[in-house]
Each structure stands twice: as structure tokens, then as C-alpha cells.
Amino acid sequence: MNDLIKFYKEQFNKNIVNTLIGINIIVFLIQCLTPESYQAWFVIPTQPSNFITQPWSILSGMFMHNGLMHILFNMFWLWQMGDILLKKIGSKKLLNLYMYGGVLSTIGVFIYSYMVGLNTYMLGASGAIMVIIFAAIYTVPNQKVSLFGIITIKMKHIAWVLFIMNIYGLGGSNAGGEVAHISGSVIGYIWIKSYLNKNFLKDMISF
């Protein structure tokens, strides 16, 4: 029994990115088999007054997705960027960053929704994954990658494009989702900068 527990701990430490992808896929498959009336109890209401009636949704909604393309897009980014970040910070920190980052990006949506009177619901790992993306990118910001074998671009430029797209998207129908993305971007950037430079926040404030 102890050997089995040790084995699973070793697998967790090696493959936390794959584990997170697996959990997201399993939850999505359950969604596909579950009536929407039941799913409504697990998505995240954007208005704090509605959220207090189902507080567990801040965790459950983080692993739900709105369609096949939504989960494919998110899992692709988690797979690509999670591996980069995993090598730098390890499984435990990556898991904590994913979970806490997801919660904090959701709180960002709560604040925005309260300010503008947005009363809807949200679901998806996008906020948490955006935290991972930006943290991963700013571990190697000047590393060059080839996009589709056509152009070569620095990692930090990918971050800029994503951030600008999210800002532009605030004027669209998915403003709440874009706020989650923007919140996740800022959280991921600040976290990794603070991790790599313990004086980062102090220097930023003093500046």
C-alpha cells in the first residue's frame, strides 16, 4: 500500500500538468452527460449576491467548459505553457498557482460585474490558464518560437498580443470572460516576476 501511495505521489510530481488536463477532460465529459438544469448549480454567477448561494462554484466552474472548442483551446495552452513552467517551479507550486490564480481571476470578474451591473454566469479554466501562460512566458520572455513554421516571434510578444486581444474583447459579448483573462494575465506576470526577483513588488511600488 505504501509503495502504491509513493508511486502516485511520484506521478503527481512528474505529471501535474497532465493531471490537470485529465481532470478538465473528465469534468467536460460529465457535463456532456448532465442536463443544463443541473449544471447551473456548478457554474459561477458573476454577481456576488448570487454567488453566495452556491460558493462551491468558484472551484467547480474552474474545470467546466462551454463546448468542445473551448476546452480544446484551453487544454492546448495548458499543455504547451504548463510544461515550460513546470520545469521552473515544480508541480506543487504550479498546482497552487493554477488554483489560487483561478480564484483570484474570478474575483476580478466579481468586481467588474458589480461595477457595471453584469448579471450572468461564467465557466471555464481560462482565468487559471492565463495565469499559467503569462507566468510561463515571463520565465523565458526572449525565447524565440516558430509559429506554424511561418514566422519567428519572442515569447513576450505572444503575451502582448494576447493581452491586447483581451482588452479589445471587453467591448464584445464575452466581457466577463475577457476580464478573467486580463486578471489572470496580471496575476501570472506579477507572481512569476516576484518569484524570480524577491524585490520585484518592492521595486515596483517604490518606482
N, C-alpha and C. Protein backbone atom coordinates (compact mmCIF):
# COMPACT_ATOMS: atom_id res chain seq x y z
N MET A 1 0.83 -1.21 0.00
CA MET A 1 0.00 0.00 0.00
C MET A 1 0.87 1.27 0.00
N ASN A 2 1.90 1.25 0.83
CA ASN A 2 2.81 2.39 0.89
C ASN A 2 3.51 2.62 -0.44
N ASP A 3 3.86 1.50 -1.11
CA ASP A 3 4.52 1.60 -2.41
C ASP A 3 3.56 2.22 -3.44
N LEU A 4 2.28 1.88 -3.34
CA LEU A 4 1.29 2.42 -4.27
C LEU A 4 1.12 3.92 -4.06
N ILE A 5 1.05 4.33 -2.79
CA ILE A 5 0.94 5.75 -2.47
C ILE A 5 2.17 6.50 -2.97
N LYS A 6 3.34 5.91 -2.77
CA LYS A 6 4.58 6.53 -3.23
C LYS A 6 4.57 6.69 -4.74
N PHE A 7 4.07 5.65 -5.44
CA PHE A 7 4.01 5.69 -6.91
C PHE A 7 3.15 6.84 -7.38
N TYR A 8 1.95 6.98 -6.78
CA TYR A 8 1.05 8.04 -7.21
C TYR A 8 1.60 9.43 -6.87
N LYS A 9 2.31 9.55 -5.76
CA LYS A 9 2.95 10.82 -5.43
C LYS A 9 4.01 11.18 -6.47
N GLU A 10 4.78 10.18 -6.90
CA GLU A 10 5.80 10.41 -7.91
C GLU A 10 5.18 10.83 -9.24
N GLN A 11 4.06 10.18 -9.60
CA GLN A 11 3.37 10.53 -10.83
C GLN A 11 2.80 11.94 -10.76
N PHE A 12 2.27 12.29 -9.59
CA PHE A 12 1.74 13.64 -9.39
C PHE A 12 2.85 14.67 -9.59
N ASN A 13 4.01 14.41 -8.98
CA ASN A 13 5.11 15.36 -9.07
C ASN A 13 5.63 15.50 -10.51
N LYS A 14 5.54 14.43 -11.28
CA LYS A 14 6.05 14.46 -12.64
C LYS A 14 5.02 15.03 -13.63
N ASN A 15 3.75 14.76 -13.38
CA ASN A 15 2.74 15.00 -14.41
C ASN A 15 1.56 15.84 -13.95
N ILE A 16 1.79 16.86 -13.13
CA ILE A 16 0.68 17.66 -12.64
C ILE A 16 -0.05 18.36 -13.79
N VAL A 17 0.67 18.73 -14.84
CA VAL A 17 0.02 19.35 -15.99
C VAL A 17 -0.94 18.36 -16.64
N ASN A 18 -0.46 17.12 -16.84
CA ASN A 18 -1.32 16.08 -17.42
C ASN A 18 -2.50 15.77 -16.50
N THR A 19 -2.24 15.82 -15.19
CA THR A 19 -3.32 15.57 -14.23
C THR A 19 -4.40 16.63 -14.34
N LEU A 20 -4.01 17.90 -14.43
CA LEU A 20 -4.98 18.98 -14.58
C LEU A 20 -5.75 18.86 -15.89
N ILE A 21 -5.05 18.50 -16.95
CA ILE A 21 -5.72 18.30 -18.24
C ILE A 21 -6.72 17.16 -18.13
N GLY A 22 -6.31 16.08 -17.47
CA GLY A 22 -7.21 14.93 -17.29
C GLY A 22 -8.45 15.28 -16.51
N ILE A 23 -8.30 16.06 -15.44
CA ILE A 23 -9.45 16.47 -14.63
C ILE A 23 -10.41 17.32 -15.46
N ASN A 24 -9.86 18.26 -16.21
CA ASN A 24 -10.70 19.11 -17.06
C ASN A 24 -11.48 18.28 -18.09
N ILE A 25 -10.83 17.29 -18.67
CA ILE A 25 -11.49 16.45 -19.68
C ILE A 25 -12.58 15.61 -19.04
N ILE A 26 -12.30 15.04 -17.88
CA ILE A 26 -13.31 14.22 -17.18
C ILE A 26 -14.53 15.06 -16.83
N VAL A 27 -14.30 16.26 -16.30
CA VAL A 27 -15.41 17.15 -15.94
C VAL A 27 -16.22 17.51 -17.20
N PHE A 28 -15.53 17.75 -18.30
CA PHE A 28 -16.22 18.09 -19.55
C PHE A 28 -17.10 16.93 -20.02
N LEU A 29 -16.58 15.71 -19.93
CA LEU A 29 -17.36 14.54 -20.32
C LEU A 29 -18.60 14.38 -19.43
N ILE A 30 -18.44 14.65 -18.15
CA ILE A 30 -19.59 14.61 -17.23
C ILE A 30 -20.61 15.67 -17.63
N GLN A 31 -20.12 16.86 -17.98
CA GLN A 31 -21.01 17.93 -18.45
C GLN A 31 -21.86 17.47 -19.63
N CYS A 32 -21.20 16.78 -20.57
CA CYS A 32 -21.89 16.34 -21.79
C CYS A 32 -23.03 15.38 -21.48
N LEU A 33 -22.96 14.72 -20.33
CA LEU A 33 -23.97 13.74 -19.96
C LEU A 33 -24.96 14.28 -18.93
N THR A 34 -24.80 15.55 -18.56
CA THR A 34 -25.60 16.13 -17.49
C THR A 34 -26.53 17.22 -18.04
N PRO A 35 -27.82 17.19 -17.66
CA PRO A 35 -28.74 18.26 -18.10
C PRO A 35 -28.27 19.63 -17.65
N GLU A 36 -28.54 20.65 -18.45
CA GLU A 36 -28.10 22.01 -18.13
C GLU A 36 -28.70 22.52 -16.82
N SER A 37 -29.89 22.03 -16.48
CA SER A 37 -30.52 22.48 -15.23
C SER A 37 -29.69 22.09 -14.02
N TYR A 38 -28.97 20.96 -14.10
CA TYR A 38 -28.09 20.55 -13.01
C TYR A 38 -26.75 21.30 -13.08
N GLN A 39 -26.28 21.51 -14.29
CA GLN A 39 -25.01 22.23 -14.46
C GLN A 39 -25.07 23.63 -13.89
N ALA A 40 -26.27 24.22 -13.89
CA ALA A 40 -26.43 25.59 -13.41
C ALA A 40 -25.99 25.75 -11.96
N TRP A 41 -25.99 24.65 -11.21
CA TRP A 41 -25.57 24.72 -9.80
C TRP A 41 -24.06 24.74 -9.65
N PHE A 42 -23.34 24.55 -10.74
CA PHE A 42 -21.88 24.45 -10.65
C PHE A 42 -21.14 25.51 -11.45
N VAL A 43 -21.87 26.27 -12.28
CA VAL A 43 -21.24 27.41 -12.96
C VAL A 43 -21.19 28.58 -11.99
N ILE A 44 -20.40 29.60 -12.31
CA ILE A 44 -20.14 30.70 -11.38
C ILE A 44 -21.01 31.91 -11.72
N PRO A 45 -21.96 32.28 -10.84
CA PRO A 45 -22.70 33.52 -11.06
C PRO A 45 -21.77 34.72 -10.91
N THR A 46 -21.88 35.69 -11.80
CA THR A 46 -20.94 36.81 -11.77
C THR A 46 -21.29 37.86 -10.72
N GLN A 47 -22.55 37.91 -10.30
CA GLN A 47 -22.94 38.85 -9.26
C GLN A 47 -22.68 38.23 -7.88
N PRO A 48 -21.91 38.90 -7.03
CA PRO A 48 -21.61 38.35 -5.70
C PRO A 48 -22.85 37.94 -4.91
N SER A 49 -23.94 38.68 -5.07
CA SER A 49 -25.17 38.37 -4.32
C SER A 49 -25.75 37.02 -4.74
N ASN A 50 -25.54 36.63 -5.98
CA ASN A 50 -25.98 35.32 -6.45
C ASN A 50 -24.96 34.24 -6.13
N PHE A 51 -23.70 34.62 -6.14
CA PHE A 51 -22.63 33.66 -5.88
C PHE A 51 -22.72 33.07 -4.48
N ILE A 52 -23.14 33.85 -3.51
CA ILE A 52 -23.17 33.36 -2.12
C ILE A 52 -24.14 32.20 -1.93
N THR A 53 -25.04 31.98 -2.89
CA THR A 53 -25.97 30.85 -2.79
C THR A 53 -25.33 29.55 -3.28
N GLN A 54 -24.21 29.64 -3.99
CA GLN A 54 -23.50 28.45 -4.46
C GLN A 54 -22.00 28.71 -4.48
N PRO A 55 -21.40 28.92 -3.31
CA PRO A 55 -19.99 29.30 -3.23
C PRO A 55 -19.02 28.24 -3.77
N TRP A 56 -19.45 26.96 -3.79
CA TRP A 56 -18.61 25.90 -4.31
C TRP A 56 -18.29 26.09 -5.80
N SER A 57 -19.10 26.91 -6.47
CA SER A 57 -18.94 27.07 -7.91
C SER A 57 -17.62 27.75 -8.27
N ILE A 58 -17.00 28.44 -7.33
CA ILE A 58 -15.73 29.11 -7.64
C ILE A 58 -14.65 28.07 -7.95
N LEU A 59 -14.84 26.84 -7.47
CA LEU A 59 -13.93 25.74 -7.79
C LEU A 59 -14.47 24.89 -8.93
N SER A 60 -15.74 24.52 -8.86
CA SER A 60 -16.31 23.65 -9.90
C SER A 60 -16.31 24.33 -11.26
N GLY A 61 -16.64 25.63 -11.28
CA GLY A 61 -16.69 26.35 -12.55
C GLY A 61 -15.34 26.46 -13.22
N MET A 62 -14.28 26.32 -12.42
CA MET A 62 -12.92 26.45 -12.93
C MET A 62 -12.53 25.27 -13.82
N PHE A 63 -13.30 24.17 -13.74
CA PHE A 63 -12.98 22.97 -14.52
C PHE A 63 -14.05 22.65 -15.56
N MET A 64 -15.03 23.54 -15.72
CA MET A 64 -16.09 23.34 -16.69
C MET A 64 -15.80 24.15 -17.95
N HIS A 65 -16.38 23.70 -19.07
CA HIS A 65 -16.15 24.40 -20.34
C HIS A 65 -17.42 24.48 -21.16
N ASN A 66 -17.46 25.52 -21.99
CA ASN A 66 -18.65 25.80 -22.79
C ASN A 66 -18.43 25.34 -24.24
N GLY A 67 -18.33 24.02 -24.42
CA GLY A 67 -18.20 23.47 -25.76
C GLY A 67 -16.82 22.89 -26.04
N LEU A 68 -16.76 22.12 -27.13
CA LEU A 68 -15.55 21.38 -27.47
C LEU A 68 -14.38 22.31 -27.80
N MET A 69 -14.61 23.36 -28.59
CA MET A 69 -13.52 24.26 -28.96
C MET A 69 -12.96 24.99 -27.75
N HIS A 70 -13.82 25.30 -26.80
CA HIS A 70 -13.40 25.99 -25.58
C HIS A 70 -12.37 25.15 -24.82
N ILE A 71 -12.70 23.87 -24.61
CA ILE A 71 -11.79 23.02 -23.83
C ILE A 71 -10.54 22.67 -24.64
N LEU A 72 -10.68 22.47 -25.96
CA LEU A 72 -9.51 22.16 -26.77
C LEU A 72 -8.50 23.31 -26.75
N PHE A 73 -9.01 24.52 -26.89
CA PHE A 73 -8.15 25.70 -26.88
C PHE A 73 -7.44 25.84 -25.54
N ASN A 74 -8.21 25.71 -24.45
CA ASN A 74 -7.62 25.86 -23.11
C ASN A 74 -6.60 24.77 -22.81
N MET A 75 -6.92 23.51 -23.15
CA MET A 75 -6.01 22.42 -22.84
C MET A 75 -4.73 22.48 -23.68
N PHE A 76 -4.85 22.99 -24.90
CA PHE A 76 -3.64 23.17 -25.73
C PHE A 76 -2.68 24.14 -25.06
N TRP A 77 -3.20 25.28 -24.60
CA TRP A 77 -2.36 26.28 -23.94
C TRP A 77 -1.79 25.74 -22.63
N LEU A 78 -2.60 25.00 -21.87
CA LEU A 78 -2.13 24.44 -20.60
C LEU A 78 -1.02 23.44 -20.85
N TRP A 79 -1.18 22.62 -21.87
CA TRP A 79 -0.17 21.61 -22.22
C TRP A 79 1.13 22.29 -22.65
N GLN A 80 1.03 23.29 -23.52
CA GLN A 80 2.22 23.96 -24.05
C GLN A 80 2.95 24.76 -22.98
N MET A 81 2.23 25.63 -22.30
CA MET A 81 2.85 26.54 -21.34
C MET A 81 3.08 25.90 -19.98
N GLY A 82 2.20 24.97 -19.61
CA GLY A 82 2.37 24.29 -18.34
C GLY A 82 3.69 23.54 -18.25
N ASP A 83 4.10 22.93 -19.36
CA ASP A 83 5.35 22.18 -19.37
C ASP A 83 6.55 23.11 -19.15
N ILE A 84 6.50 24.28 -19.76
CA ILE A 84 7.59 25.26 -19.58
C ILE A 84 7.69 25.68 -18.12
N LEU A 85 6.53 26.00 -17.53
CA LEU A 85 6.51 26.49 -16.15
C LEU A 85 6.85 25.39 -15.16
N LEU A 86 6.40 24.16 -15.45
CA LEU A 86 6.66 23.03 -14.56
C LEU A 86 8.15 22.83 -14.33
N LYS A 87 8.94 22.97 -15.38
CA LYS A 87 10.38 22.78 -15.25
C LYS A 87 11.02 23.85 -14.37
N LYS A 88 10.36 25.00 -14.27
CA LYS A 88 10.93 26.11 -13.49
C LYS A 88 10.50 26.08 -12.03
N ILE A 89 9.22 25.76 -11.76
CA ILE A 89 8.72 25.92 -10.39
C ILE A 89 8.27 24.61 -9.73
N GLY A 90 8.14 23.53 -10.48
CA GLY A 90 7.73 22.25 -9.91
C GLY A 90 6.22 22.10 -9.80
N SER A 91 5.80 20.87 -9.51
CA SER A 91 4.38 20.52 -9.53
C SER A 91 3.55 21.23 -8.46
N LYS A 92 4.06 21.26 -7.24
CA LYS A 92 3.28 21.82 -6.14
C LYS A 92 2.98 23.30 -6.35
N LYS A 93 3.99 24.05 -6.72
CA LYS A 93 3.79 25.48 -6.95
C LYS A 93 2.89 25.72 -8.16
N LEU A 94 3.03 24.90 -9.20
CA LEU A 94 2.20 25.07 -10.38
C LEU A 94 0.73 24.81 -10.04
N LEU A 95 0.47 23.77 -9.27
CA LEU A 95 -0.91 23.48 -8.86
C LEU A 95 -1.48 24.62 -8.04
N ASN A 96 -0.71 25.12 -7.08
CA ASN A 96 -1.18 26.23 -6.25
C ASN A 96 -1.44 27.48 -7.10
N LEU A 97 -0.56 27.72 -8.06
CA LEU A 97 -0.72 28.88 -8.92
C LEU A 97 -1.98 28.75 -9.77
N TYR A 98 -2.23 27.57 -10.28
CA TYR A 98 -3.43 27.31 -11.08
C TYR A 98 -4.69 27.56 -10.25
N MET A 99 -4.73 26.99 -9.06
CA MET A 99 -5.94 27.09 -8.23
C MET A 99 -6.14 28.50 -7.69
N TYR A 100 -5.12 29.05 -7.05
CA TYR A 100 -5.25 30.39 -6.48
C TYR A 100 -5.42 31.43 -7.58
N GLY A 101 -4.70 31.25 -8.68
CA GLY A 101 -4.85 32.18 -9.80
C GLY A 101 -6.24 32.15 -10.37
N GLY A 102 -6.82 30.95 -10.47
CA GLY A 102 -8.19 30.83 -10.96
C GLY A 102 -9.19 31.53 -10.05
N VAL A 103 -9.01 31.37 -8.75
CA VAL A 103 -9.90 32.01 -7.79
C VAL A 103 -9.76 33.54 -7.87
N LEU A 104 -8.53 34.02 -7.91
CA LEU A 104 -8.30 35.47 -7.93
C LEU A 104 -8.81 36.11 -9.23
N SER A 105 -8.65 35.41 -10.36
CA SER A 105 -9.17 35.95 -11.61
C SER A 105 -10.70 35.99 -11.59
N THR A 106 -11.32 35.04 -10.90
CA THR A 106 -12.78 35.06 -10.75
C THR A 106 -13.21 36.24 -9.88
N ILE A 107 -12.45 36.52 -8.84
CA ILE A 107 -12.76 37.68 -8.01
C ILE A 107 -12.67 38.96 -8.84
N GLY A 108 -11.73 39.00 -9.77
CA GLY A 108 -11.65 40.14 -10.68
C GLY A 108 -12.94 40.31 -11.47
N VAL A 109 -13.53 39.20 -11.89
CA VAL A 109 -14.81 39.27 -12.63
C VAL A 109 -15.93 39.74 -11.71
N PHE A 110 -15.92 39.27 -10.45
CA PHE A 110 -16.93 39.74 -9.49
C PHE A 110 -16.90 41.26 -9.37
N ILE A 111 -15.70 41.80 -9.22
CA ILE A 111 -15.55 43.25 -9.04
C ILE A 111 -16.06 43.98 -10.28
N TYR A 112 -15.65 43.50 -11.44
CA TYR A 112 -16.09 44.12 -12.70
C TYR A 112 -17.61 44.03 -12.85
N SER A 113 -18.17 42.86 -12.56
CA SER A 113 -19.62 42.65 -12.71
C SER A 113 -20.40 43.56 -11.78
N TYR A 114 -19.90 43.73 -10.56
CA TYR A 114 -20.57 44.61 -9.60
C TYR A 114 -20.53 46.05 -10.08
N MET A 115 -19.41 46.45 -10.67
CA MET A 115 -19.24 47.84 -11.11
C MET A 115 -20.14 48.18 -12.30
N VAL A 116 -20.29 47.22 -13.23
CA VAL A 116 -21.04 47.52 -14.46
C VAL A 116 -22.43 46.90 -14.47
N GLY A 117 -22.77 46.16 -13.42
CA GLY A 117 -24.10 45.54 -13.34
C GLY A 117 -24.26 44.33 -14.23
N LEU A 118 -23.16 43.60 -14.50
CA LEU A 118 -23.21 42.41 -15.33
C LEU A 118 -23.77 41.24 -14.52
N ASN A 119 -24.87 40.69 -14.97
CA ASN A 119 -25.53 39.61 -14.23
C ASN A 119 -25.68 38.39 -15.13
N THR A 120 -24.67 37.53 -15.11
CA THR A 120 -24.69 36.33 -15.93
C THR A 120 -23.96 35.23 -15.17
N TYR A 121 -23.41 34.28 -15.88
CA TYR A 121 -22.62 33.24 -15.24
C TYR A 121 -21.37 33.01 -16.08
N MET A 122 -20.38 32.35 -15.49
CA MET A 122 -19.17 32.03 -16.25
C MET A 122 -18.69 30.63 -15.89
N LEU A 123 -17.94 30.06 -16.78
CA LEU A 123 -17.35 28.76 -16.55
C LEU A 123 -16.12 28.64 -17.43
N GLY A 124 -15.21 27.77 -17.02
CA GLY A 124 -14.01 27.57 -17.82
C GLY A 124 -12.73 27.80 -17.04
N ALA A 125 -11.67 27.18 -17.52
CA ALA A 125 -10.37 27.28 -16.87
C ALA A 125 -9.55 28.44 -17.40
N SER A 126 -10.15 29.30 -18.22
CA SER A 126 -9.39 30.32 -18.94
C SER A 126 -8.61 31.26 -18.01
N GLY A 127 -9.24 31.69 -16.92
CA GLY A 127 -8.55 32.59 -15.99
C GLY A 127 -7.32 31.94 -15.40
N ALA A 128 -7.49 30.69 -14.91
CA ALA A 128 -6.36 29.96 -14.32
C ALA A 128 -5.28 29.69 -15.36
N ILE A 129 -5.70 29.33 -16.57
CA ILE A 129 -4.72 29.01 -17.61
C ILE A 129 -3.99 30.26 -18.08
N MET A 130 -4.66 31.40 -18.08
CA MET A 130 -3.98 32.64 -18.45
C MET A 130 -2.90 32.97 -17.42
N VAL A 131 -3.14 32.64 -16.17
CA VAL A 131 -2.10 32.80 -15.13
C VAL A 131 -0.88 31.95 -15.51
N ILE A 132 -1.13 30.70 -15.88
CA ILE A 132 -0.04 29.79 -16.25
C ILE A 132 0.68 30.29 -17.50
N ILE A 133 -0.07 30.75 -18.48
CA ILE A 133 0.53 31.23 -19.74
C ILE A 133 1.50 32.37 -19.48
N PHE A 134 1.05 33.39 -18.74
CA PHE A 134 1.89 34.56 -18.53
C PHE A 134 3.07 34.25 -17.61
N ALA A 135 2.84 33.40 -16.61
CA ALA A 135 3.95 33.01 -15.75
C ALA A 135 5.00 32.24 -16.55
N ALA A 136 4.54 31.36 -17.43
CA ALA A 136 5.47 30.57 -18.26
C ALA A 136 6.23 31.47 -19.23
N ILE A 137 5.51 32.36 -19.89
CA ILE A 137 6.14 33.24 -20.88
C ILE A 137 7.24 34.08 -20.24
N TYR A 138 6.98 34.60 -19.06
CA TYR A 138 7.96 35.51 -18.45
C TYR A 138 9.04 34.79 -17.65
N THR A 139 9.08 33.45 -17.75
CA THR A 139 10.29 32.75 -17.32
C THR A 139 11.33 32.78 -18.44
N VAL A 140 10.83 32.84 -19.68
CA VAL A 140 11.74 32.88 -20.85
C VAL A 140 11.20 33.91 -21.85
N PRO A 141 11.09 35.18 -21.46
CA PRO A 141 10.41 36.17 -22.30
C PRO A 141 11.05 36.40 -23.66
N ASN A 142 12.36 36.21 -23.74
CA ASN A 142 13.05 36.50 -25.00
C ASN A 142 13.32 35.25 -25.84
N GLN A 143 12.84 34.12 -25.37
CA GLN A 143 12.99 32.90 -26.16
C GLN A 143 12.14 33.00 -27.43
N LYS A 144 12.72 32.60 -28.56
CA LYS A 144 12.01 32.69 -29.82
C LYS A 144 11.33 31.37 -30.16
N VAL A 145 10.11 31.46 -30.68
CA VAL A 145 9.36 30.28 -31.10
C VAL A 145 8.87 30.50 -32.53
N SER A 146 8.70 29.40 -33.23
CA SER A 146 8.21 29.47 -34.60
C SER A 146 6.70 29.21 -34.62
N LEU A 147 5.96 30.10 -35.22
CA LEU A 147 4.51 29.95 -35.33
C LEU A 147 4.16 29.37 -36.69
N PHE A 148 3.69 28.11 -36.66
CA PHE A 148 3.23 27.43 -37.88
C PHE A 148 4.33 27.35 -38.94
N GLY A 149 5.59 27.47 -38.49
CA GLY A 149 6.69 27.38 -39.43
C GLY A 149 6.78 28.57 -40.38
N ILE A 150 6.05 29.65 -40.04
CA ILE A 150 5.99 30.81 -40.93
C ILE A 150 6.81 31.98 -40.39
N ILE A 151 6.54 32.35 -39.13
CA ILE A 151 7.25 33.48 -38.54
C ILE A 151 7.86 33.08 -37.20
N THR A 152 8.92 33.78 -36.84
CA THR A 152 9.57 33.57 -35.55
C THR A 152 9.26 34.78 -34.67
N ILE A 153 8.85 34.50 -33.44
CA ILE A 153 8.43 35.57 -32.55
C ILE A 153 8.91 35.28 -31.13
N LYS A 154 9.22 36.33 -30.39
CA LYS A 154 9.62 36.16 -29.00
C LYS A 154 8.39 35.84 -28.14
N MET A 155 8.62 35.08 -27.08
CA MET A 155 7.54 34.68 -26.19
C MET A 155 6.78 35.89 -25.63
N LYS A 156 7.53 36.94 -25.24
CA LYS A 156 6.88 38.09 -24.64
C LYS A 156 5.94 38.78 -25.63
N HIS A 157 6.23 38.66 -26.91
CA HIS A 157 5.36 39.28 -27.91
C HIS A 157 4.04 38.52 -28.02
N ILE A 158 4.09 37.22 -27.77
CA ILE A 158 2.84 36.43 -27.70
C ILE A 158 1.98 36.96 -26.56
N ALA A 159 2.62 37.24 -25.42
CA ALA A 159 1.90 37.77 -24.27
C ALA A 159 1.25 39.10 -24.60
N TRP A 160 1.98 39.96 -25.28
CA TRP A 160 1.43 41.28 -25.63
C TRP A 160 0.21 41.13 -26.54
N VAL A 161 0.31 40.25 -27.53
CA VAL A 161 -0.81 40.04 -28.46
C VAL A 161 -2.04 39.53 -27.71
N LEU A 162 -1.83 38.55 -26.84
CA LEU A 162 -2.95 38.00 -26.06
C LEU A 162 -3.59 39.08 -25.19
N PHE A 163 -2.76 39.89 -24.54
CA PHE A 163 -3.28 40.91 -23.64
C PHE A 163 -4.08 41.96 -24.42
N ILE A 164 -3.56 42.39 -25.55
CA ILE A 164 -4.26 43.38 -26.37
C ILE A 164 -5.58 42.83 -26.89
N MET A 165 -5.58 41.57 -27.30
CA MET A 165 -6.82 40.92 -27.77
C MET A 165 -7.87 40.90 -26.67
N ASN A 166 -7.43 40.62 -25.44
CA ASN A 166 -8.37 40.58 -24.32
C ASN A 166 -8.93 41.97 -23.99
N ILE A 167 -8.07 42.98 -24.05
CA ILE A 167 -8.54 44.35 -23.83
C ILE A 167 -9.58 44.72 -24.90
N TYR A 168 -9.28 44.40 -26.13
CA TYR A 168 -10.20 44.70 -27.23
C TYR A 168 -11.52 43.95 -27.05
N GLY A 169 -11.45 42.73 -26.51
CA GLY A 169 -12.64 41.91 -26.33
C GLY A 169 -13.60 42.41 -25.27
N LEU A 170 -13.16 43.38 -24.47
CA LEU A 170 -14.05 43.93 -23.43
C LEU A 170 -15.29 44.57 -24.03
N GLY A 171 -15.21 44.98 -25.28
CA GLY A 171 -16.35 45.60 -25.93
C GLY A 171 -17.31 44.60 -26.54
N GLY A 172 -17.00 43.31 -26.43
CA GLY A 172 -17.83 42.27 -27.04
C GLY A 172 -18.82 41.65 -26.08
N SER A 173 -19.37 40.51 -26.50
CA SER A 173 -20.41 39.84 -25.72
C SER A 173 -19.86 39.01 -24.56
N ASN A 174 -18.53 38.78 -24.56
CA ASN A 174 -17.93 37.96 -23.51
C ASN A 174 -17.03 38.80 -22.61
N ALA A 175 -17.53 39.96 -22.18
CA ALA A 175 -16.72 40.87 -21.38
C ALA A 175 -16.25 40.22 -20.08
N GLY A 176 -17.12 39.45 -19.44
CA GLY A 176 -16.74 38.79 -18.20
C GLY A 176 -15.58 37.84 -18.40
N GLY A 177 -15.62 37.07 -19.49
CA GLY A 177 -14.52 36.15 -19.80
C GLY A 177 -13.23 36.89 -20.07
N GLU A 178 -13.33 38.03 -20.76
CA GLU A 178 -12.13 38.81 -21.05
C GLU A 178 -11.53 39.38 -19.77
N VAL A 179 -12.38 39.77 -18.83
CA VAL A 179 -11.87 40.27 -17.53
C VAL A 179 -11.13 39.15 -16.80
N ALA A 180 -11.65 37.93 -16.87
CA ALA A 180 -10.96 36.79 -16.26
C ALA A 180 -9.59 36.59 -16.89
N HIS A 181 -9.53 36.73 -18.22
CA HIS A 181 -8.26 36.59 -18.92
C HIS A 181 -7.27 37.68 -18.51
N ILE A 182 -7.77 38.92 -18.47
CA ILE A 182 -6.90 40.05 -18.11
C ILE A 182 -6.41 39.90 -16.67
N SER A 183 -7.31 39.54 -15.78
CA SER A 183 -6.94 39.34 -14.37
C SER A 183 -5.88 38.25 -14.26
N GLY A 184 -6.10 37.13 -14.97
CA GLY A 184 -5.14 36.02 -14.95
C GLY A 184 -3.79 36.44 -15.50
N SER A 185 -3.81 37.26 -16.56
CA SER A 185 -2.55 37.74 -17.15
C SER A 185 -1.74 38.53 -16.13
N VAL A 186 -2.40 39.45 -15.46
CA VAL A 186 -1.72 40.31 -14.48
C VAL A 186 -1.21 39.49 -13.30
N ILE A 187 -2.04 38.57 -12.83
CA ILE A 187 -1.64 37.72 -11.69
C ILE A 187 -0.43 36.87 -12.06
N GLY A 188 -0.47 36.23 -13.24
CA GLY A 188 0.64 35.39 -13.67
C GLY A 188 1.93 36.17 -13.82
N TYR A 189 1.83 37.37 -14.40
CA TYR A 189 3.01 38.22 -14.60
C TYR A 189 3.61 38.64 -13.26
N ILE A 190 2.77 39.15 -12.36
CA ILE A 190 3.27 39.62 -11.06
C ILE A 190 3.84 38.46 -10.25
N TRP A 191 3.17 37.30 -10.30
CA TRP A 191 3.65 36.17 -9.50
C TRP A 191 5.03 35.71 -9.95
N ILE A 192 5.20 35.50 -11.26
CA ILE A 192 6.48 34.97 -11.72
C ILE A 192 7.59 36.00 -11.55
N LYS A 193 7.29 37.27 -11.74
CA LYS A 193 8.29 38.30 -11.53
C LYS A 193 8.72 38.33 -10.06
N SER A 194 7.76 38.16 -9.16
CA SER A 194 8.07 38.14 -7.72
C SER A 194 8.84 36.88 -7.35
N TYR A 195 8.53 35.78 -8.01
CA TYR A 195 9.22 34.52 -7.75
C TYR A 195 10.68 34.59 -8.20
N LEU A 196 10.90 35.20 -9.34
CA LEU A 196 12.25 35.30 -9.89
C LEU A 196 13.07 36.42 -9.24
N ASN A 197 12.38 37.43 -8.73
CA ASN A 197 13.04 38.58 -8.10
C ASN A 197 12.26 38.96 -6.84
N LYS A 198 12.79 38.60 -5.70
CA LYS A 198 12.07 38.80 -4.44
C LYS A 198 11.79 40.27 -4.15
N ASN A 199 12.52 41.16 -4.77
CA ASN A 199 12.32 42.59 -4.54
C ASN A 199 11.43 43.25 -5.60
N PHE A 200 10.82 42.42 -6.47
CA PHE A 200 10.06 42.97 -7.59
C PHE A 200 8.93 43.89 -7.14
N LEU A 201 8.10 43.42 -6.20
CA LEU A 201 6.96 44.23 -5.74
C LEU A 201 7.43 45.49 -5.04
N LYS A 202 8.48 45.34 -4.23
CA LYS A 202 9.03 46.50 -3.51
C LYS A 202 9.54 47.53 -4.51
N ASP A 203 10.27 47.06 -5.53
CA ASP A 203 10.82 47.96 -6.54
C ASP A 203 9.70 48.61 -7.34
N MET A 204 8.65 47.84 -7.64
CA MET A 204 7.54 48.37 -8.43
C MET A 204 6.79 49.46 -7.67
N ILE A 205 6.58 49.24 -6.37
CA ILE A 205 5.87 50.21 -5.55
C ILE A 205 6.70 51.48 -5.37
N SER A 206 7.99 51.28 -5.11
CA SER A 206 8.87 52.44 -4.90
C SER A 206 9.02 53.26 -6.16
N PHE A 207 8.91 52.60 -7.33
CA PHE A 207 9.01 53.31 -8.60
C PHE A 207 7.81 54.24 -8.76
